[in-house]
PDB file of N, CA and C in Angstrom:
ATOM      1  N   MET A   1       0.825  -1.134   0.048  1.00  0.00           N
ATOM      2  CA  MET A   1       0.047  -0.076   0.026  1.00  0.00           C
ATOM      3  C   MET A   1       0.860   1.221  -0.002  1.00  0.00           C
ATOM      4  N   GLU A   2       0.692   2.091  -0.999  1.00  0.00           N
ATOM      5  CA  GLU A   2       1.516   3.340  -1.040  1.00  0.00           C
ATOM      6  C   GLU A   2       0.836   4.429  -0.356  1.00  0.00           C
ATOM      7  N   MET A   3       1.591   5.191   0.345  1.00  0.00           N
ATOM      8  CA  MET A   3       1.075   6.355   1.166  1.00  0.00           C
ATOM      9  C   MET A   3       1.174   7.622   0.376  1.00  0.00           C
ATOM     10  N   GLU A   4       0.306   8.534   0.558  1.00  0.00           N
ATOM     11  CA  GLU A   4       0.448   9.819  -0.178  1.00  0.00           C
ATOM     12  C   GLU A   4       0.697  10.868   0.996  1.00  0.00           C
ATOM     13  N   TRP A   5       1.672  11.712   0.870  1.00  0.00           N
ATOM     14  CA  TRP A   5       1.983  12.713   1.862  1.00  0.00           C
ATOM     15  C   TRP A   5       1.791  14.043   1.251  1.00  0.00           C
ATOM     16  N   PRO A   6       1.557  15.063   2.189  1.00  0.00           N
ATOM     17  CA  PRO A   6       1.340  16.441   1.658  1.00  0.00           C
ATOM     18  C   PRO A   6       2.512  17.025   0.988  1.00  0.00           C
ATOM     19  N   LYS A   7       2.264  17.859  -0.026  1.00  0.00           N
ATOM     20  CA  LYS A   7       3.343  18.560  -0.751  1.00  0.00           C
ATOM     21  C   LYS A   7       3.968  19.598   0.224  1.00  0.00           C
ATOM     22  N   CYS A   8       5.205  19.842   0.127  1.00  0.00           N
ATOM     23  CA  CYS A   8       5.909  20.887   0.865  1.00  0.00           C
ATOM     24  C   CYS A   8       5.445  22.234   0.381  1.00  0.00           C
ATOM     25  N   LEU A   9       4.982  23.038   1.369  1.00  0.00           N
ATOM     26  CA  LEU A   9       4.466  24.379   0.893  1.00  0.00           C
ATOM     27  C   LEU A   9       5.594  25.376   0.732  1.00  0.00           C
ATOM     28  N   LYS A  10       6.823  24.995   1.108  1.00  0.00           N
ATOM     29  CA  LYS A  10       7.993  25.941   0.862  1.00  0.00           C
ATOM     30  C   LYS A  10       8.524  25.759  -0.610  1.00  0.00           C
ATOM     31  N   CYS A  11       8.815  24.562  -0.977  1.00  0.00           N
ATOM     32  CA  CYS A  11       9.516  24.299  -2.227  1.00  0.00           C
ATOM     33  C   CYS A  11       8.497  23.813  -3.313  1.00  0.00           C
ATOM     34  N   GLU A  12       7.382  23.331  -2.888  1.00  0.00           N
ATOM     35  CA  GLU A  12       6.385  22.682  -3.735  1.00  0.00           C
ATOM     36  C   GLU A  12       6.961  21.557  -4.676  1.00  0.00           C
ATOM     37  N   ILE A  13       8.050  21.002  -4.315  1.00  0.00           N
ATOM     38  CA  ILE A  13       8.627  19.941  -5.070  1.00  0.00           C
ATOM     39  C   ILE A  13       8.653  18.612  -4.187  1.00  0.00           C
ATOM     40  N   GLY A  14       9.152  18.723  -2.985  1.00  0.00           N
ATOM     41  CA  GLY A  14       9.141  17.592  -2.172  1.00  0.00           C
ATOM     42  C   GLY A  14       7.835  17.360  -1.439  1.00  0.00           C
ATOM     43  N   GLU A  15       7.845  16.232  -0.668  1.00  0.00           N
ATOM     44  CA  GLU A  15       6.694  15.873   0.081  1.00  0.00           C
ATOM     45  C   GLU A  15       7.110  15.979   1.623  1.00  0.00           C
ATOM     46  N   LEU A  16       6.183  16.295   2.528  1.00  0.00           N
ATOM     47  CA  LEU A  16       6.427  16.182   3.863  1.00  0.00           C
ATOM     48  C   LEU A  16       6.168  14.780   4.360  1.00  0.00           C
ATOM     49  N   VAL A  17       7.177  14.228   4.945  1.00  0.00           N
ATOM     50  CA  VAL A  17       7.083  12.874   5.575  1.00  0.00           C
ATOM     51  C   VAL A  17       7.316  12.943   7.076  1.00  0.00           C
ATOM     52  N   PRO A  18       6.564  12.010   7.808  1.00  0.00           N
ATOM     53  CA  PRO A  18       6.712  12.103   9.261  1.00  0.00           C
ATOM     54  C   PRO A  18       7.838  11.203   9.734  1.00  0.00           C
ATOM     55  N   LEU A  19       8.475  11.725  10.748  1.00  0.00           N
ATOM     56  CA  LEU A  19       9.524  10.914  11.504  1.00  0.00           C
ATOM     57  C   LEU A  19       9.156  10.792  12.927  1.00  0.00           C
ATOM     58  N   SER A  20       9.433   9.634  13.564  1.00  0.00           N
ATOM     59  CA  SER A  20       9.208   9.337  14.951  1.00  0.00           C
ATOM     60  C   SER A  20      10.459   9.319  15.790  1.00  0.00           C
ATOM     61  N   ASP A  21      10.210   9.336  17.090  1.00  0.00           N
ATOM     62  CA  ASP A  21      11.427   9.369  17.948  1.00  0.00           C
ATOM     63  C   ASP A  21      10.981   8.597  19.278  1.00  0.00           C
ATOM     64  N   TYR A  22      11.953   8.633  20.154  1.00  0.00           N
ATOM     65  CA  TYR A  22      11.689   8.035  21.499  1.00  0.00           C
ATOM     66  C   TYR A  22      11.855   9.221  22.569  1.00  0.00           C
ATOM     67  N   GLY A  23      11.019   9.123  23.539  1.00  0.00           N
ATOM     68  CA  GLY A  23      11.006  10.116  24.679  1.00  0.00           C
ATOM     69  C   GLY A  23      12.158   9.708  25.722  1.00  0.00           C
ATOM     70  N   ARG A  24      12.196  10.588  26.742  1.00  0.00           N
ATOM     71  CA  ARG A  24      13.245  10.327  27.759  1.00  0.00           C
ATOM     72  C   ARG A  24      13.098   9.053  28.458  1.00  0.00           C
ATOM     73  N   GLU A  25      11.955   8.546  28.693  1.00  0.00           N
ATOM     74  CA  GLU A  25      11.679   7.290  29.316  1.00  0.00           C
ATOM     75  C   GLU A  25      11.640   6.065  28.344  1.00  0.00           C
ATOM     76  N   GLY A  26      11.858   6.341  27.154  1.00  0.00           N
ATOM     77  CA  GLY A  26      11.906   5.299  26.107  1.00  0.00           C
ATOM     78  C   GLY A  26      10.569   5.015  25.429  1.00  0.00           C
ATOM     79  N   SER A  27       9.558   5.930  25.726  1.00  0.00           N
ATOM     80  CA  SER A  27       8.241   5.670  25.031  1.00  0.00           C
ATOM     81  C   SER A  27       8.335   6.252  23.598  1.00  0.00           C
ATOM     82  N   SER A  28       7.542   5.618  22.791  1.00  0.00           N
ATOM     83  CA  SER A  28       7.577   6.053  21.346  1.00  0.00           C
ATOM     84  C   SER A  28       6.779   7.378  21.171  1.00  0.00           C
ATOM     85  N   ILE A  29       7.358   8.340  20.376  1.00  0.00           N
ATOM     86  CA  ILE A  29       6.665   9.530  20.063  1.00  0.00           C
ATOM     87  C   ILE A  29       6.468   9.545  18.555  1.00  0.00           C
ATOM     88  N   MET A  30       5.148   9.281  18.101  1.00  0.00           N
ATOM     89  CA  MET A  30       4.860   9.260  16.748  1.00  0.00           C
ATOM     90  C   MET A  30       4.809  10.604  16.106  1.00  0.00           C
ATOM     91  N   TYR A  31       5.350  10.740  14.972  1.00  0.00           N
ATOM     92  CA  TYR A  31       5.284  11.978  14.191  1.00  0.00           C
ATOM     93  C   TYR A  31       5.798  13.124  15.003  1.00  0.00           C
ATOM     94  N   LYS A  32       6.975  13.039  15.526  1.00  0.00           N
ATOM     95  CA  LYS A  32       7.673  14.067  16.262  1.00  0.00           C
ATOM     96  C   LYS A  32       8.121  15.171  15.306  1.00  0.00           C
ATOM     97  N   ALA A  33       8.450  14.789  14.124  1.00  0.00           N
ATOM     98  CA  ALA A  33       8.927  15.753  13.009  1.00  0.00           C
ATOM     99  C   ALA A  33       8.296  15.455  11.733  1.00  0.00           C
ATOM    100  N   TRP A  34       8.171  16.433  10.872  1.00  0.00           N
ATOM    101  CA  TRP A  34       7.845  16.305   9.471  1.00  0.00           C
ATOM    102  C   TRP A  34       8.945  16.982   8.732  1.00  0.00           C
ATOM    103  N   VAL A  35       9.494  16.327   7.641  1.00  0.00           N
ATOM    104  CA  VAL A  35      10.617  16.877   6.929  1.00  0.00           C
ATOM    105  C   VAL A  35      10.323  16.744   5.456  1.00  0.00           C
ATOM    106  N   CYS A  36      10.854  17.718   4.683  1.00  0.00           N
ATOM    107  CA  CYS A  36      10.598  17.684   3.219  1.00  0.00           C
ATOM    108  C   CYS A  36      11.638  16.667   2.577  1.00  0.00           C
ATOM    109  N   THR A  37      11.155  15.956   1.621  1.00  0.00           N
ATOM    110  CA  THR A  37      11.966  14.913   0.938  1.00  0.00           C
ATOM    111  C   THR A  37      12.938  15.533  -0.072  1.00  0.00           C
ATOM    112  N   ASN A  38      12.822  16.824  -0.430  1.00  0.00           N
ATOM    113  CA  ASN A  38      13.679  17.524  -1.251  1.00  0.00           C
ATOM    114  C   ASN A  38      14.956  17.947  -0.457  1.00  0.00           C
ATOM    115  N   PRO A  39      16.038  17.279  -0.671  1.00  0.00           N
ATOM    116  CA  PRO A  39      17.307  17.661   0.059  1.00  0.00           C
ATOM    117  C   PRO A  39      17.760  19.150  -0.084  1.00  0.00           C
ATOM    118  N   GLU A  40      17.457  19.688  -1.140  1.00  0.00           N
ATOM    119  CA  GLU A  40      17.754  21.223  -1.371  1.00  0.00           C
ATOM    120  C   GLU A  40      16.939  22.094  -0.584  1.00  0.00           C
ATOM    121  N   CYS A  41      15.720  21.557  -0.127  1.00  0.00           N
ATOM    122  CA  CYS A  41      14.784  22.453   0.552  1.00  0.00           C
ATOM    123  C   CYS A  41      15.034  22.518   2.099  1.00  0.00           C
ATOM    124  N   GLY A  42      15.107  21.303   2.706  1.00  0.00           N
ATOM    125  CA  GLY A  42      15.343  21.135   4.048  1.00  0.00           C
ATOM    126  C   GLY A  42      14.244  21.642   5.064  1.00  0.00           C
ATOM    127  N   TYR A  43      13.087  21.983   4.584  1.00  0.00           N
ATOM    128  CA  TYR A  43      12.030  22.439   5.451  1.00  0.00           C
ATOM    129  C   TYR A  43      11.620  21.358   6.444  1.00  0.00           C
ATOM    130  N   ASN A  44      11.266  21.764   7.705  1.00  0.00           N
ATOM    131  CA  ASN A  44      10.925  20.842   8.674  1.00  0.00           C
ATOM    132  C   ASN A  44      10.071  21.483   9.727  1.00  0.00           C
ATOM    133  N   LEU A  45       9.295  20.584  10.394  1.00  0.00           N
ATOM    134  CA  LEU A  45       8.449  21.053  11.539  1.00  0.00           C
ATOM    135  C   LEU A  45       8.794  20.012  12.668  1.00  0.00           C
ATOM    136  N   ARG A  46       8.986  20.526  13.883  1.00  0.00           N
ATOM    137  CA  ARG A  46       9.346  19.622  15.014  1.00  0.00           C
ATOM    138  C   ARG A  46       8.528  19.963  16.192  1.00  0.00           C
ATOM    139  N   ILE A  47       8.320  18.987  17.070  1.00  0.00           N
ATOM    140  CA  ILE A  47       7.762  19.155  18.306  1.00  0.00           C
ATOM    141  C   ILE A  47       8.741  18.820  19.417  1.00  0.00           C
ATOM    142  N   ASP A  48       9.120  19.834  20.252  1.00  0.00           N
ATOM    143  CA  ASP A  48      10.102  19.567  21.277  1.00  0.00           C
ATOM    144  C   ASP A  48       9.573  20.168  22.552  1.00  0.00           C
ATOM    145  N   ASN A  49       9.347  19.302  23.564  1.00  0.00           N
ATOM    146  CA  ASN A  49       8.821  19.631  24.886  1.00  0.00           C
ATOM    147  C   ASN A  49       7.509  20.472  24.711  1.00  0.00           C
ATOM    148  N   GLY A  50       6.668  20.135  23.764  1.00  0.00           N
ATOM    149  CA  GLY A  50       5.409  20.713  23.596  1.00  0.00           C
ATOM    150  C   GLY A  50       5.378  21.969  22.732  1.00  0.00           C
ATOM    151  N   GLU A  51       6.491  22.386  22.217  1.00  0.00           N
ATOM    152  CA  GLU A  51       6.639  23.560  21.405  1.00  0.00           C
ATOM    153  C   GLU A  51       6.876  23.137  19.930  1.00  0.00           C
ATOM    154  N   ILE A  52       6.311  23.893  19.049  1.00  0.00           N
ATOM    155  CA  ILE A  52       6.438  23.564  17.608  1.00  0.00           C
ATOM    156  C   ILE A  52       7.562  24.540  17.068  1.00  0.00           C
ATOM    157  N   SER A  53       8.537  24.033  16.389  1.00  0.00           N
ATOM    158  CA  SER A  53       9.484  24.867  15.652  1.00  0.00           C
ATOM    159  C   SER A  53       9.509  24.497  14.232  1.00  0.00           C
ATOM    160  N   MET A  54       9.701  25.601  13.379  1.00  0.00           N
ATOM    161  CA  MET A  54       9.675  25.330  11.960  1.00  0.00           C
ATOM    162  C   MET A  54      10.985  25.873  11.335  1.00  0.00           C
ATOM    163  N   GLY A  55      11.469  25.081  10.411  1.00  0.00           N
ATOM    164  CA  GLY A  55      12.552  25.586   9.542  1.00  0.00           C
ATOM    165  C   GLY A  55      13.941  25.476  10.213  1.00  0.00           C
ATOM    166  N   ARG A  56      14.114  24.943  11.336  1.00  0.00           N
ATOM    167  CA  ARG A  56      15.411  24.789  11.887  1.00  0.00           C
ATOM    168  C   ARG A  56      16.401  24.049  11.062  1.00  0.00           C
ATOM    169  N   THR A  57      17.604  24.392  11.031  1.00  0.00           N
ATOM    170  CA  THR A  57      18.565  23.620  10.312  1.00  0.00           C
ATOM    171  C   THR A  57      18.684  22.181  10.763  1.00  0.00           C
ATOM    172  N   ILE A  58      18.590  21.215   9.918  1.00  0.00           N
ATOM    173  CA  ILE A  58      18.688  19.854  10.283  1.00  0.00           C
ATOM    174  C   ILE A  58      20.022  19.262   9.797  1.00  0.00           C
ATOM    175  N   GLY A  59      20.446  18.209  10.413  1.00  0.00           N
ATOM    176  CA  GLY A  59      21.639  17.601  10.039  1.00  0.00           C
ATOM    177  C   GLY A  59      21.720  16.148  10.605  1.00  0.00           C
ATOM    178  N   LEU A  60      22.832  15.466  10.312  1.00  0.00           N
ATOM    179  CA  LEU A  60      22.939  14.130  10.865  1.00  0.00           C
ATOM    180  C   LEU A  60      23.430  14.094  12.292  1.00  0.00           C
ATOM    181  N   SER A  61      22.889  13.254  13.075  1.00  0.00           N
ATOM    182  CA  SER A  61      23.282  13.140  14.528  1.00  0.00           C
ATOM    183  C   SER A  61      24.538  12.235  14.643  1.00  0.00           C
ATOM    184  N   GLY A  62      25.277  12.583  15.610  1.00  0.00           N
ATOM    185  CA  GLY A  62      26.439  11.722  15.848  1.00  0.00           C
ATOM    186  C   GLY A  62      26.186  10.516  16.618  1.00  0.00           C
ATOM    187  N   LYS A  63      24.957  10.318  17.048  1.00  0.00           N
ATOM    188  CA  LYS A  63      24.469   9.166  17.874  1.00  0.00           C
ATOM    189  C   LYS A  63      24.350   7.950  17.036  1.00  0.00           C
TER     190      LYS A  63
END
């Protein structure tokens, strides 16, 4: 089954796809971030400690 994701409103080329993470106690956090699939765009939305941030620079983690 193929999923359809929303188009990125910034670049209108990529799609916004969800990413999940784990909380401090190890519980799963579904859809913690949405990122654009266009590597040249880099647009993202994140939820951190209940606050929404948009467009922060993203990169690879050393973890």
